[in-house]
Amino acid sequence: MASAYLEFAIPVVSPEMNIPLVHNLEFQLAGRYEDFSDVGDVAKPKVAGAWDIFDGLRIRGSWAQGFKAPNLEQINATLVTRSNTRTDWVKCEADLRAGRIASFSNCARSQSTTARRAGNPDLKPEESETWGVGAVFEPHFVPPEMGRFTFTLDYWNVKQEGIVGLFGEGNALILDYLERVQGRSNPNVIRAAAPPPTTSRSSTTPASRRWARSST
């Protein structure tokens, strides 16, 4: 693994310039580069700025792209098996259609599940884009004996792509249900074969049917 980080701080206006409504103005440019032997290389930028309208009131904003490489376990983990109990929503749907339950909240179709998990050597870094704006207010008119106050108000917008995580057997069963109600299925859910139908002892046997015919 190799990495590099570069940052420039650019002061545009300083308090000594005595410019009205621009007590201070500065920008920041930065970049980050990393090269991984297993997932490749990536480079991301960052831009930020701060505008002090007067001493004690700052408007700030930033935009950046980011990434997060998958860890060694997520890439190289060997196959493991986990057993658990999860709700089978396909059977809940069957109960609902048959009138055995009034709604999904009444479903009690908990089934034993076996999940097989392993690392994925084809994983790529997660990527993100973030921007934000905000304000910082420091009231200097407050007497020092009352303490120092700082009020901040910020808004962030974060968009992530390629998030690496464990989907889980519960989510897999939910997806399987949504696919099945549309005539498809989730290939990652393998269901056990249905048991053969059983014959009740009280049902009519061929001998009893012959006896019934001979009595007429």
Protein backbone atom coordinates (compact mmCIF):
# COMPACT_ATOMS: atom_id res chain seq x y z
CA MET A 1 0.00 0.00 0.00
CA ALA A 2 1.21 3.52 -0.88
CA SER A 3 -0.48 6.83 -0.10
CA ALA A 4 0.00 10.56 -0.54
CA TYR A 5 -1.86 13.65 0.72
CA LEU A 6 -1.48 17.23 -0.48
CA GLU A 7 -3.13 20.34 0.96
CA PHE A 8 -2.98 24.06 0.13
CA ALA A 9 -4.31 26.82 2.40
CA ILE A 10 -5.01 30.00 0.42
CA PRO A 11 -5.64 33.20 2.43
CA VAL A 12 -7.40 35.72 0.20
CA VAL A 13 -8.44 38.47 2.62
CA SER A 14 -6.96 39.10 6.07
CA PRO A 15 -8.24 41.34 8.91
CA GLU A 16 -5.37 43.76 8.30
CA MET A 17 -6.88 44.74 4.93
CA ASN A 18 -9.90 46.35 6.67
CA ILE A 19 -12.34 45.38 3.91
CA PRO A 20 -16.01 45.97 4.93
CA LEU A 21 -18.03 42.78 5.49
CA VAL A 22 -14.97 40.65 4.68
CA HIS A 23 -13.05 40.30 7.91
CA ASN A 24 -11.33 37.17 6.64
CA LEU A 25 -11.58 34.98 3.54
CA GLU A 26 -9.67 31.77 2.96
CA PHE A 27 -9.84 28.62 0.87
CA GLN A 28 -8.46 25.13 1.13
CA LEU A 29 -7.53 22.75 -1.71
CA ALA A 30 -6.55 19.19 -0.93
CA GLY A 31 -6.10 15.83 -2.60
CA ARG A 32 -5.62 12.26 -1.44
CA TYR A 33 -4.15 9.32 -3.35
CA GLU A 34 -3.79 5.71 -2.26
CA ASP A 35 -2.65 2.60 -4.10
CA PHE A 36 -3.71 -0.82 -2.78
CA SER A 37 -2.20 -4.06 -4.02
CA ASP A 38 -5.54 -5.89 -3.89
CA VAL A 39 -8.21 -3.32 -4.87
CA GLY A 40 -6.33 -0.86 -7.10
CA ASP A 41 -5.62 2.86 -6.75
CA VAL A 42 -7.87 5.87 -6.20
CA ALA A 43 -7.51 9.66 -5.98
CA LYS A 44 -10.05 12.08 -4.45
CA PRO A 45 -10.17 15.91 -4.11
CA LYS A 46 -11.45 18.33 -1.47
CA VAL A 47 -12.36 22.03 -1.65
CA ALA A 48 -13.33 24.18 1.34
CA GLY A 49 -13.80 27.86 2.11
CA ALA A 50 -14.52 30.15 5.05
CA TRP A 51 -15.79 33.73 5.03
CA ASP A 52 -15.72 35.81 8.22
CA ILE A 53 -18.23 38.60 7.73
CA PHE A 54 -16.95 40.16 10.94
CA ASP A 55 -14.97 38.92 13.90
CA GLY A 56 -17.30 36.35 15.47
CA LEU A 57 -19.47 35.38 12.48
CA ARG A 58 -18.18 32.86 9.94
CA ILE A 59 -19.85 31.27 6.92
CA ARG A 60 -18.21 28.04 5.78
CA GLY A 61 -18.66 25.40 3.11
CA SER A 62 -16.91 22.38 1.66
CA TRP A 63 -17.12 19.75 -1.08
CA ALA A 64 -15.17 16.51 -1.17
CA GLN A 65 -15.02 13.04 -2.61
CA GLY A 66 -13.99 10.13 -0.43
CA PHE A 67 -13.36 6.41 -0.45
CA LYS A 68 -12.94 3.50 1.92
CA ALA A 69 -11.09 0.35 0.92
CA PRO A 70 -12.49 -3.03 2.04
CA ASN A 71 -10.53 -4.61 4.85
CA LEU A 72 -8.59 -7.87 4.64
CA GLU A 73 -11.35 -9.97 6.21
CA GLN A 74 -13.97 -8.70 3.76
CA ILE A 75 -11.73 -9.77 0.88
CA ASN A 76 -10.03 -12.92 2.16
CA ALA A 77 -12.37 -14.50 4.74
CA THR A 78 -12.87 -18.25 4.23
CA LEU A 79 -16.29 -19.85 3.98
CA VAL A 80 -18.20 -19.93 7.27
CA THR A 81 -21.67 -21.26 8.08
CA ARG A 82 -24.08 -19.64 10.50
CA SER A 83 -27.45 -20.94 11.71
CA ASN A 84 -30.25 -18.67 12.86
CA THR A 85 -34.01 -18.20 12.90
CA ARG A 86 -35.67 -15.80 10.46
CA THR A 87 -39.22 -14.99 9.32
CA ASP A 88 -40.20 -16.57 5.99
CA TRP A 89 -42.40 -13.92 4.41
CA VAL A 90 -43.41 -16.22 1.55
CA LYS A 91 -45.23 -18.46 4.04
CA CYS A 92 -46.69 -15.36 5.69
CA GLU A 93 -48.14 -14.38 2.32
CA ALA A 94 -49.64 -17.87 1.95
CA ASP A 95 -51.23 -17.61 5.39
CA LEU A 96 -52.60 -14.17 4.56
CA ARG A 97 -54.16 -15.33 1.29
CA ALA A 98 -55.65 -18.40 2.99
CA GLY A 99 -57.20 -16.22 5.69
CA ARG A 100 -55.23 -17.83 8.51
CA ILE A 101 -53.90 -14.41 9.60
CA ALA A 102 -55.34 -10.90 9.26
CA SER A 103 -52.07 -9.10 8.49
CA PHE A 104 -48.31 -9.62 8.33
CA SER A 105 -48.03 -8.38 11.91
CA ASN A 106 -49.77 -11.61 12.99
CA CYS A 107 -47.36 -13.87 11.12
CA ALA A 108 -45.37 -16.34 13.21
CA ARG A 109 -43.55 -18.17 10.43
CA SER A 110 -40.10 -18.32 11.99
CA GLN A 111 -37.90 -20.81 10.19
CA SER A 112 -34.44 -22.20 10.80
CA THR A 113 -31.95 -20.84 8.27
CA THR A 114 -28.36 -21.65 7.40
CA ALA A 115 -26.24 -18.87 5.93
CA ARG A 116 -22.94 -19.37 4.12
CA ARG A 117 -20.60 -16.37 4.10
CA ALA A 118 -17.18 -15.74 2.60
CA GLY A 119 -14.93 -12.89 1.54
CA ASN A 120 -15.14 -11.37 -1.92
CA PRO A 121 -11.80 -10.78 -3.68
CA ASP A 122 -13.55 -8.65 -6.34
CA LEU A 123 -14.63 -5.92 -3.91
CA LYS A 124 -13.79 -2.33 -4.81
CA PRO A 125 -13.46 0.70 -2.48
CA GLU A 126 -16.62 2.43 -1.31
CA GLU A 127 -16.97 5.92 -2.82
CA SER A 128 -18.70 9.01 -1.49
CA GLU A 129 -19.43 12.61 -2.37
CA THR A 130 -20.06 15.11 0.41
CA TRP A 131 -20.90 18.79 0.51
CA GLY A 132 -21.90 21.01 3.38
CA VAL A 133 -22.54 24.59 4.42
CA GLY A 134 -22.72 26.16 7.83
CA ALA A 135 -22.24 29.13 10.10
CA VAL A 136 -20.33 29.77 13.31
CA PHE A 137 -21.28 32.55 15.71
CA GLU A 138 -19.12 33.59 18.68
CA PRO A 139 -20.71 36.47 20.63
CA HIS A 140 -17.76 38.53 21.87
CA PHE A 141 -20.10 40.94 23.67
CA VAL A 142 -20.79 38.37 26.38
CA PRO A 143 -18.81 39.26 29.56
CA PRO A 144 -15.78 36.97 30.03
CA GLU A 145 -16.91 36.00 33.52
CA MET A 146 -19.99 34.35 31.95
CA GLY A 147 -17.83 32.10 29.83
CA ARG A 148 -17.18 31.73 26.12
CA PHE A 149 -20.01 30.71 23.81
CA THR A 150 -19.88 29.24 20.31
CA PHE A 151 -23.01 28.51 18.26
CA THR A 152 -22.79 26.43 15.09
CA LEU A 153 -25.33 25.52 12.43
CA ASP A 154 -24.36 23.08 9.67
CA TYR A 155 -25.98 21.10 6.88
CA TRP A 156 -24.36 18.07 5.22
CA ASN A 157 -25.32 16.09 2.15
CA VAL A 158 -23.64 12.70 1.75
CA LYS A 159 -24.00 10.33 -1.21
CA GLN A 160 -22.38 6.88 -0.99
CA GLU A 161 -21.87 4.25 -3.67
CA GLY A 162 -20.62 0.68 -3.56
CA ILE A 163 -21.15 0.28 0.18
CA VAL A 164 -19.55 -2.90 1.46
CA GLY A 165 -21.52 -4.81 4.06
CA LEU A 166 -23.20 -8.06 5.05
CA PHE A 167 -26.62 -8.42 3.39
CA GLY A 168 -27.76 -11.05 5.86
CA GLU A 169 -30.21 -13.93 5.56
CA GLY A 170 -33.10 -11.82 6.85
CA ASN A 171 -32.73 -9.35 3.99
CA ALA A 172 -32.22 -12.23 1.55
CA LEU A 173 -35.58 -13.72 2.58
CA ILE A 174 -37.30 -10.35 2.25
CA LEU A 175 -35.88 -9.96 -1.27
CA ASP A 176 -36.96 -13.51 -2.10
CA TYR A 177 -40.51 -12.68 -1.01
CA LEU A 178 -40.62 -9.50 -3.11
CA GLU A 179 -39.30 -11.41 -6.12
CA ARG A 180 -41.76 -14.31 -5.71
CA VAL A 181 -44.85 -12.10 -5.60
CA GLN A 182 -43.71 -10.90 -9.05
CA GLY A 183 -43.15 -14.39 -10.41
CA ARG A 184 -39.41 -14.57 -9.83
CA SER A 185 -37.15 -15.68 -6.97
CA ASN A 186 -33.90 -14.75 -5.25
CA PRO A 187 -31.23 -17.19 -6.50
CA ASN A 188 -29.28 -16.73 -3.27
CA VAL A 189 -32.10 -18.36 -1.29
CA ILE A 190 -32.13 -22.14 -1.63
CA ARG A 191 -35.20 -23.75 -0.08
CA ALA A 192 -35.41 -27.28 1.22
CA ALA A 193 -37.50 -29.67 -0.83
CA ALA A 194 -41.14 -29.85 0.23
CA PRO A 195 -42.02 -33.03 2.18
CA PRO A 196 -44.25 -35.59 0.40
CA PRO A 197 -47.96 -35.33 1.17
CA THR A 198 -49.23 -37.59 3.96
CA THR A 199 -52.38 -39.79 3.77
CA SER A 200 -54.81 -39.62 6.65
CA ARG A 201 -55.84 -42.94 8.26
CA SER A 202 -59.48 -41.85 8.21
CA SER A 203 -59.58 -41.51 4.43
CA THR A 204 -61.45 -44.06 2.30
CA THR A 205 -59.30 -47.00 1.24
CA PRO A 206 -59.85 -49.07 -1.92
CA ALA A 207 -61.24 -51.97 0.18
CA SER A 208 -63.84 -49.79 1.86
CA ARG A 209 -64.87 -48.41 -1.52
CA ARG A 210 -65.41 -51.99 -2.80
CA TRP A 211 -67.47 -52.80 0.30
CA ALA A 212 -69.59 -49.70 -0.33
CA ARG A 213 -70.34 -50.85 -3.89
CA SER A 214 -71.28 -54.39 -2.82
CA SER A 215 -73.81 -53.13 -0.26
CA THR A 216 -75.94 -51.38 -2.84
